[in-house]
Protein backbone atom coordinates (compact mmCIF):
# COMPACT_ATOMS: atom_id res chain seq x y z
CA UNK A 1 5.98 -18.19 -20.94
CA UNK A 2 6.79 -14.47 -21.13
CA UNK A 3 10.48 -13.63 -20.92
CA UNK A 4 11.46 -12.03 -17.59
CA UNK A 5 11.90 -8.28 -17.80
CA UNK A 6 14.68 -8.49 -15.22
CA UNK A 7 16.92 -11.32 -14.00
CA UNK A 8 19.57 -11.75 -11.38
CA UNK A 9 21.72 -14.80 -12.07
CA UNK A 10 23.89 -16.12 -9.24
CA UNK A 11 24.64 -12.58 -8.07
CA UNK A 12 27.08 -12.07 -5.20
CA UNK A 13 28.05 -8.66 -3.83
CA UNK A 14 30.90 -8.21 -1.38
CA UNK A 15 32.01 -5.02 0.34
CA UNK A 16 35.62 -5.62 1.42
CA UNK A 17 35.37 -8.74 3.62
CA UNK A 18 31.59 -8.55 4.10
CA UNK A 19 29.16 -10.42 1.84
CA UNK A 20 25.90 -8.46 1.46
CA UNK A 21 24.26 -10.76 -1.10
CA UNK A 22 25.36 -14.28 -2.03
CA UNK A 23 24.46 -16.44 -5.04
CA UNK A 24 21.17 -14.57 -5.49
CA UNK A 25 18.95 -15.60 -8.43
CA UNK A 26 15.55 -14.13 -9.26
CA UNK A 27 13.32 -13.62 -12.31
CA UNK A 28 11.01 -10.59 -12.38
CA UNK A 29 8.02 -10.73 -14.73
CA UNK A 30 6.73 -7.87 -16.89
CA UNK A 31 4.09 -5.73 -15.19
CA UNK A 32 4.26 -7.35 -11.76
CA UNK A 33 4.45 -5.69 -8.35
CA UNK A 34 7.32 -7.50 -6.63
CA UNK A 35 8.33 -6.74 -3.05
CA UNK A 36 11.67 -7.48 -1.38
CA UNK A 37 10.87 -8.06 2.29
CA UNK A 38 13.27 -8.70 5.13
CA UNK A 39 14.89 -7.33 8.29
CA UNK A 40 17.45 -4.54 8.25
CA UNK A 41 20.77 -5.71 6.82
CA UNK A 42 19.33 -8.62 4.85
CA UNK A 43 20.47 -7.23 1.47
CA UNK A 44 17.24 -5.67 0.13
CA UNK A 45 18.71 -2.25 -0.65
CA UNK A 46 21.88 -3.83 -2.06
CA UNK A 47 19.74 -5.72 -4.58
CA UNK A 48 17.95 -2.50 -5.49
CA UNK A 49 21.26 -0.67 -5.98
CA UNK A 50 22.56 -3.51 -8.16
CA UNK A 51 19.44 -3.27 -10.32
CA UNK A 52 19.71 0.52 -10.56
CA UNK A 53 23.41 0.39 -11.45
CA UNK A 54 24.67 2.21 -8.35
CA UNK A 55 26.61 -0.96 -7.48
CA UNK A 56 28.12 -3.68 -9.67
CA UNK A 57 27.99 -7.37 -8.73
CA UNK A 58 31.18 -9.04 -7.52
CA UNK A 59 30.08 -12.13 -9.45
CA UNK A 60 26.96 -13.04 -11.41
CA UNK A 61 24.82 -11.14 -13.91
CA UNK A 62 22.09 -8.50 -13.84
CA UNK A 63 20.02 -8.90 -17.02
CA UNK A 64 17.54 -6.24 -18.15
CA UNK A 65 15.27 -7.03 -21.13
CA UNK A 66 17.58 -9.88 -22.15
CA UNK A 67 20.79 -7.81 -21.97
CA UNK A 68 23.52 -8.04 -19.33
CA UNK A 69 23.83 -4.57 -17.77
CA UNK A 70 26.61 -5.19 -15.23
CA UNK A 71 28.77 -2.44 -16.73
CA UNK A 72 25.93 -0.14 -17.86
CA UNK A 73 25.78 3.10 -15.80
CA UNK A 74 22.51 4.10 -14.06
CA UNK A 75 21.60 6.86 -16.52
CA UNK A 76 21.76 4.41 -19.42
CA UNK A 77 19.49 1.77 -17.87
CA UNK A 78 15.75 1.76 -18.54
CA UNK A 79 15.20 1.86 -14.77
CA UNK A 80 14.14 4.65 -12.41
CA UNK A 81 14.35 4.80 -8.61
CA UNK A 82 12.13 6.44 -6.00
CA UNK A 83 14.20 6.92 -2.85
CA UNK A 84 13.13 6.93 0.78
CA UNK A 85 14.20 10.59 1.02
CA UNK A 86 12.44 11.45 -2.31
CA UNK A 87 15.65 13.37 -3.38
CA UNK A 88 13.70 16.33 -4.79
CA UNK A 89 15.25 19.70 -5.70
CA UNK A 90 13.84 22.17 -3.13
CA UNK A 91 14.71 25.27 -5.22
CA UNK A 92 12.67 24.01 -8.18
CA UNK A 93 8.94 23.96 -8.82
CA UNK A 94 7.00 20.72 -8.94
CA UNK A 95 6.90 20.97 -12.75
CA UNK A 96 10.67 21.45 -13.03
CA UNK A 97 11.37 18.56 -10.65
CA UNK A 98 9.28 16.22 -12.77
CA UNK A 99 10.67 17.57 -16.03
CA UNK A 100 14.32 17.35 -14.97
CA UNK A 101 15.10 13.93 -16.44
CA UNK A 102 13.40 14.75 -19.75
CA UNK A 103 15.34 18.00 -20.00
CA UNK A 104 18.62 16.13 -19.53
CA UNK A 105 17.64 13.91 -22.46
CA UNK A 106 16.93 17.06 -24.52
CA UNK A 107 13.32 16.03 -25.06
CA UNK A 108 11.37 18.64 -27.10
CA UNK A 109 9.69 21.25 -24.88
CA UNK A 110 6.20 20.50 -26.18
CA UNK A 111 6.60 16.81 -25.39
CA UNK A 112 8.00 17.67 -21.93
CA UNK A 113 4.94 19.77 -21.10
CA UNK A 114 2.58 17.04 -22.24
CA UNK A 115 4.34 14.21 -20.41
CA UNK A 116 4.81 16.20 -17.18
CA UNK A 117 1.14 17.16 -17.16
CA UNK A 118 0.15 13.51 -17.72
CA UNK A 119 2.43 12.32 -14.91
CA UNK A 120 1.15 14.96 -12.47
CA UNK A 121 -2.44 14.08 -13.36
CA UNK A 122 -1.75 10.42 -12.62
CA UNK A 123 -0.56 11.28 -9.11
CA UNK A 124 -3.35 13.87 -8.68
CA UNK A 125 -1.05 16.90 -8.47
CA UNK A 126 -1.84 18.69 -11.75
CA UNK A 127 -2.90 21.88 -9.91
CA UNK A 128 0.39 21.95 -7.94
CA UNK A 129 2.69 22.18 -10.97
CA UNK A 130 4.02 25.65 -10.13
CA UNK A 131 4.39 25.19 -6.38
CA UNK A 132 7.77 24.89 -4.71
CA UNK A 133 8.56 21.52 -3.18
CA UNK A 134 8.95 22.95 0.34
CA UNK A 135 5.32 24.11 0.18
CA UNK A 136 4.08 20.52 -0.11
CA UNK A 137 3.19 17.95 2.53
CA UNK A 138 5.15 14.70 2.90
CA UNK A 139 2.54 12.76 0.95
CA UNK A 140 2.53 15.32 -1.86
CA UNK A 141 6.34 15.24 -2.05
CA UNK A 142 6.18 11.47 -2.31
CA UNK A 143 3.80 11.83 -5.26
CA UNK A 144 6.14 14.31 -6.96
CA UNK A 145 8.96 11.76 -6.63
CA UNK A 146 6.68 9.15 -8.22
CA UNK A 147 5.75 11.50 -11.06
CA UNK A 148 9.42 12.30 -11.72
CA UNK A 149 10.14 8.56 -11.98
CA UNK A 150 7.19 7.56 -14.17
CA UNK A 151 7.47 10.52 -16.57
CA UNK A 152 10.50 8.76 -18.10
CA UNK A 153 8.36 5.69 -18.78
CA UNK A 154 10.93 3.23 -17.44
CA UNK A 155 10.80 -0.48 -18.02
CA UNK A 156 11.22 -1.05 -14.27
CA UNK A 157 10.52 1.26 -11.33
CA UNK A 158 12.49 0.67 -8.12
CA UNK A 159 11.02 1.93 -4.84
CA UNK A 160 13.28 2.04 -1.78
CA UNK A 161 10.92 2.25 1.24
CA UNK A 162 9.23 5.39 -0.20
CA UNK A 163 6.40 5.36 2.38
CA UNK A 164 8.43 4.91 5.57
CA UNK A 165 8.47 8.62 6.49
CA UNK A 166 4.69 9.04 6.23
CA UNK A 167 2.24 8.87 9.12
CA UNK A 168 0.01 5.80 9.45
CA UNK A 169 -3.14 7.11 7.76
CA UNK A 170 -1.27 8.74 4.86
CA UNK A 171 0.81 5.61 4.42
CA UNK A 172 -2.37 3.54 4.00
CA UNK A 173 -3.70 6.02 1.45
CA UNK A 174 -0.44 6.00 -0.51
CA UNK A 175 -0.37 2.20 -0.56
CA UNK A 176 -3.70 2.27 -2.41
CA UNK A 177 -2.43 5.03 -4.72
CA UNK A 178 0.71 3.06 -5.59
CA UNK A 179 -1.30 -0.07 -6.40
CA UNK A 180 -3.69 1.95 -8.56
CA UNK A 181 -0.83 3.69 -10.35
CA UNK A 182 1.06 0.48 -11.01
CA UNK A 183 -1.98 -1.19 -12.55
CA UNK A 184 -2.71 1.89 -14.66
CA UNK A 185 0.84 2.17 -15.98
CA UNK A 186 1.61 -1.52 -16.37
CA UNK A 187 5.22 -0.82 -15.33
CA UNK A 188 7.11 -3.46 -13.34
CA UNK A 189 7.47 -2.24 -9.74
CA UNK A 190 10.15 -3.59 -7.39
CA UNK A 191 9.38 -2.39 -3.89
CA UNK A 192 11.64 -2.64 -0.83
CA UNK A 193 10.18 -2.71 2.68
CA UNK A 194 10.65 -4.29 6.11
CA UNK A 195 6.91 -3.86 6.84
CA UNK A 196 5.23 -7.27 6.51
CA UNK A 197 1.69 -5.91 6.34
CA UNK A 198 2.67 -3.48 3.58
CA UNK A 199 4.31 -6.26 1.57
CA UNK A 200 1.31 -8.59 1.84
CA UNK A 201 -1.16 -5.84 0.95
CA UNK A 202 0.60 -4.41 -2.11
CA UNK A 203 2.39 -7.25 -3.88
CA UNK A 204 1.76 -9.78 -6.60
CA UNK A 205 4.77 -11.69 -5.27
CA UNK A 206 6.90 -11.32 -2.16
CA UNK A 207 10.58 -12.23 -1.87
CA UNK A 208 11.45 -12.89 1.79
CA UNK A 209 15.16 -12.28 2.37
CA UNK A 210 17.51 -13.04 5.23
CA UNK A 211 21.27 -12.70 5.44
CA UNK A 212 21.70 -11.97 1.74
CA UNK A 213 19.71 -15.04 0.68
CA UNK A 214 16.15 -15.76 -0.47
CA UNK A 215 14.14 -17.70 2.11
CA UNK A 216 10.89 -17.89 0.09
CA UNK A 217 9.27 -16.41 -3.02
CA UNK A 218 5.51 -16.54 -3.49
CA UNK A 219 2.15 -14.82 -3.58
CA UNK A 220 1.25 -12.98 -0.34
CA UNK A 221 -1.28 -15.63 0.70
CA UNK A 222 1.26 -18.40 0.11
CA UNK A 223 3.93 -16.59 2.14
CA UNK A 224 1.54 -16.01 5.03
CA UNK A 225 -0.33 -19.33 5.09
CA UNK A 226 2.37 -21.71 3.82
CA UNK A 227 5.75 -20.52 5.13
CA UNK A 228 8.58 -22.83 4.11
CA UNK A 229 10.59 -22.50 7.32
CA UNK A 230 10.60 -21.03 10.81
CA UNK A 231 12.27 -17.78 9.74
CA UNK A 232 9.49 -16.92 7.27
CA UNK A 233 6.78 -18.03 9.69
CA UNK A 234 8.13 -15.85 12.49
CA UNK A 235 9.07 -12.85 10.36
CA UNK A 236 5.84 -12.56 8.36
CA UNK A 237 3.07 -11.86 10.85
CA UNK A 238 2.57 -13.14 14.36
CA UNK A 239 2.74 -16.87 14.97
CA UNK A 240 2.15 -19.28 17.85
CA UNK A 241 4.58 -22.19 18.04
CA UNK A 242 3.65 -25.35 19.95
CA UNK A 243 6.23 -28.04 20.72
CA UNK A 244 5.08 -31.64 20.48
CA UNK A 245 5.96 -35.06 19.11
CA UNK A 246 4.39 -37.54 16.69
CA UNK A 247 2.55 -40.45 18.30
CA UNK A 248 1.35 -42.36 15.25
CA UNK A 249 0.24 -42.06 11.65
CA UNK A 250 -3.50 -42.11 10.88
CA UNK A 251 -4.98 -44.56 8.35
CA UNK A 252 -6.84 -41.69 6.61
CA UNK A 253 -3.66 -39.60 6.36
CA UNK A 254 -1.88 -37.25 8.70
CA UNK A 255 -0.79 -37.99 12.25
CA UNK A 256 -1.72 -37.90 15.89
CA UNK A 257 0.54 -35.48 17.77
CA UNK A 258 0.91 -35.05 21.52
CA UNK A 259 1.13 -31.51 22.87
CA UNK A 260 1.70 -31.60 26.61
CA UNK A 261 -0.90 -34.08 27.86
CA UNK A 262 -3.29 -33.71 24.91
CA UNK A 263 -3.41 -35.54 21.58
CA UNK A 264 -4.31 -33.57 18.45
CA UNK A 265 -4.93 -34.74 14.86
CA UNK A 266 -2.63 -33.17 12.27
CA UNK A 267 -3.63 -32.87 8.62
CA UNK A 268 -0.27 -32.68 6.84
CA UNK A 269 1.25 -34.32 3.78
CA UNK A 270 4.75 -34.19 5.22
CA UNK A 271 6.44 -37.39 6.37
CA UNK A 272 7.34 -37.84 10.04
CA UNK A 273 8.54 -40.72 12.18
CA UNK A 274 7.00 -42.00 15.39
CA UNK A 275 8.22 -39.98 18.43
CA UNK A 276 9.76 -37.34 16.14
CA UNK A 277 9.70 -33.87 17.75
CA UNK A 278 7.70 -31.35 15.72
CA UNK A 279 6.59 -27.73 15.88
CA UNK A 280 2.93 -26.86 15.29
CA UNK A 281 2.46 -23.33 13.93
CA UNK A 282 -0.82 -21.42 14.11
CA UNK A 283 -1.66 -17.79 13.44
CA UNK A 284 -3.56 -15.99 16.24
CA UNK A 285 -6.69 -15.75 14.06
CA UNK A 286 -6.64 -19.52 13.41
CA UNK A 287 -7.03 -20.44 17.08
CA UNK A 288 -10.44 -21.02 18.66
CA UNK A 289 -11.15 -19.99 22.23
CA UNK A 290 -14.06 -20.99 24.48
CA UNK A 291 -14.87 -20.49 28.13
CA UNK A 292 -14.17 -23.56 30.20
CA UNK A 293 -17.43 -22.89 32.05
CA UNK A 294 -19.38 -23.32 28.79
CA UNK A 295 -18.06 -26.84 28.32
CA UNK A 296 -15.32 -27.57 25.80
CA UNK A 297 -15.15 -30.41 23.30
CA UNK A 298 -11.74 -32.17 23.32
CA UNK A 299 -9.07 -31.92 22.19
CA UNK A 300 -8.09 -28.55 23.64
CA UNK A 301 -5.34 -26.83 25.60
CA UNK A 302 -6.49 -25.32 28.92
CA UNK A 303 -5.33 -21.87 29.98
CA UNK A 304 -6.31 -18.53 31.50
CA UNK A 305 -6.78 -15.06 29.99
CA UNK A 306 -3.93 -12.77 31.03
CA UNK A 307 -4.78 -9.71 28.97
CA UNK A 308 -7.34 -8.38 26.49
CA UNK A 309 -6.26 -5.85 23.85
CA UNK A 310 -9.11 -4.00 22.11
CA UNK A 311 -8.25 -3.00 18.53
CA UNK A 312 -11.55 -1.82 17.10
CA UNK A 313 -12.43 -4.55 14.59
CA UNK A 314 -10.64 -7.26 16.60
CA UNK A 315 -9.74 -8.19 20.15
CA UNK A 316 -6.34 -9.76 20.86
CA UNK A 317 -6.15 -12.08 23.83
CA UNK A 318 -2.97 -13.04 25.66
CA UNK A 319 -3.47 -16.57 27.02
CA UNK A 320 -1.25 -18.36 29.53
CA UNK A 321 -1.63 -22.10 28.94
CA UNK A 322 -1.51 -24.52 31.87
CA UNK A 323 1.83 -25.71 30.43
CA UNK A 324 3.22 -22.22 31.11
CA UNK A 325 3.40 -21.13 27.45
CA UNK A 326 2.07 -17.71 26.46
CA UNK A 327 0.08 -17.55 23.22
CA UNK A 328 -1.91 -14.94 21.30
CA UNK A 329 -5.46 -15.34 19.99
CA UNK A 330 -7.29 -12.89 17.71
CA UNK A 331 -11.08 -12.71 17.88
CA UNK A 332 -13.10 -10.83 15.24
CA UNK A 333 -16.25 -8.90 15.97
CA UNK A 334 -19.54 -10.19 14.57
CA UNK A 335 -23.23 -9.88 15.42
CA UNK A 336 -22.69 -11.54 18.80
CA UNK A 337 -19.76 -9.42 19.96
CA UNK A 338 -20.24 -9.86 23.71
CA UNK A 339 -18.78 -13.36 23.76
CA UNK A 340 -15.26 -12.14 22.93
CA UNK A 341 -14.88 -9.89 25.98
CA UNK A 342 -13.13 -12.20 28.40
CA UNK A 343 -12.16 -11.21 31.93
CA UNK A 344 -8.60 -11.41 33.22
CA UNK A 345 -8.03 -14.74 34.94
CA UNK A 346 -10.95 -16.40 33.15
CA UNK A 347 -10.33 -20.07 32.35
CA UNK A 348 -10.52 -20.95 28.67
CA UNK A 349 -9.97 -23.78 26.19
CA UNK A 350 -7.80 -23.27 23.10
CA UNK A 351 -8.14 -25.40 19.96
CA UNK A 352 -8.18 -25.10 16.17
CA UNK A 353 -9.78 -26.60 13.10
CA UNK A 354 -7.79 -29.55 11.82
CA UNK A 355 -5.80 -28.60 8.71
CA UNK A 356 -5.24 -24.97 9.65
CA UNK A 357 -1.92 -25.82 11.29
CA UNK A 358 1.53 -25.78 9.68
CA UNK A 359 3.86 -28.54 10.86
CA UNK A 360 7.65 -28.35 10.86
CA UNK A 361 10.35 -30.71 12.01
CA UNK A 362 13.05 -29.19 14.17
CA UNK A 363 15.40 -29.13 11.17
CA UNK A 364 13.18 -26.82 9.10
């Protein structure tokens, strides 16, 4: 197996009497796009600052390319950072902003020109080299910040929510640009965000953080479809949670679970006891909805449509079950689109395909 390009070994960081990160261990592989995802205050930016050298760990080790860099200052680490604010020099041209780091290293002028031109071409700003930064749009400034970081050819590029200030459409465009750039360069990217959709879309692996700890590390699909606990399930995407209890095990595997007055088969490899309370988790797009008037095949949960939210390619339905619970169902458009336009107050049946559910005990 390839040696990790970056490692955090049992890292703890305290600020006075507050612990920002505790006993944090993580291996980062060469050339991967890794995202740190979590709510505000979970320790994402602290980890980034520890990697960059702006902070030193209270205990533990930060290892870069096999070498402990705890005491190595930022300018001597083979790491560059793109900040949320971009941190560009407004009095300089685009060229001079990108060239700044190379000039500090006393790189030959000919090599500076060549590398700056290459970096600006990569971010599609070659024709803007002599413009002032204040003459650029937010998206263009973000690209200048990227060019300034990649021109140094770092081993690892750290990105601290660099897209958060952009409008929705530009943010989507820049997500594609960042993915393209990362694949082209082959540089390891470590990206910080609190935006779940952004993390799932851009990453090879996602690290879900909470309270200075890692809750789960995995591929985007794994994080979304196989959350390891309730925090990950609720934080990453929307989720419906049904409370029930185990009735009995099935001879073919799995269990029969009672939700309200209805018994549902569960296809899970986890072990549960008879009468054990459990939570059944289902994403809105995994639920099936049918009109009660069309006839519904059991098992199902009866309810009524409270609200319909049109979103272009999908329709989100707010359903009030007869038990009083409110759930969310996502319906996708297809050739027969009329069937998904339900009226408020319309009686419906809610079910799902066995095996699409995630089952947790109350302790998980």
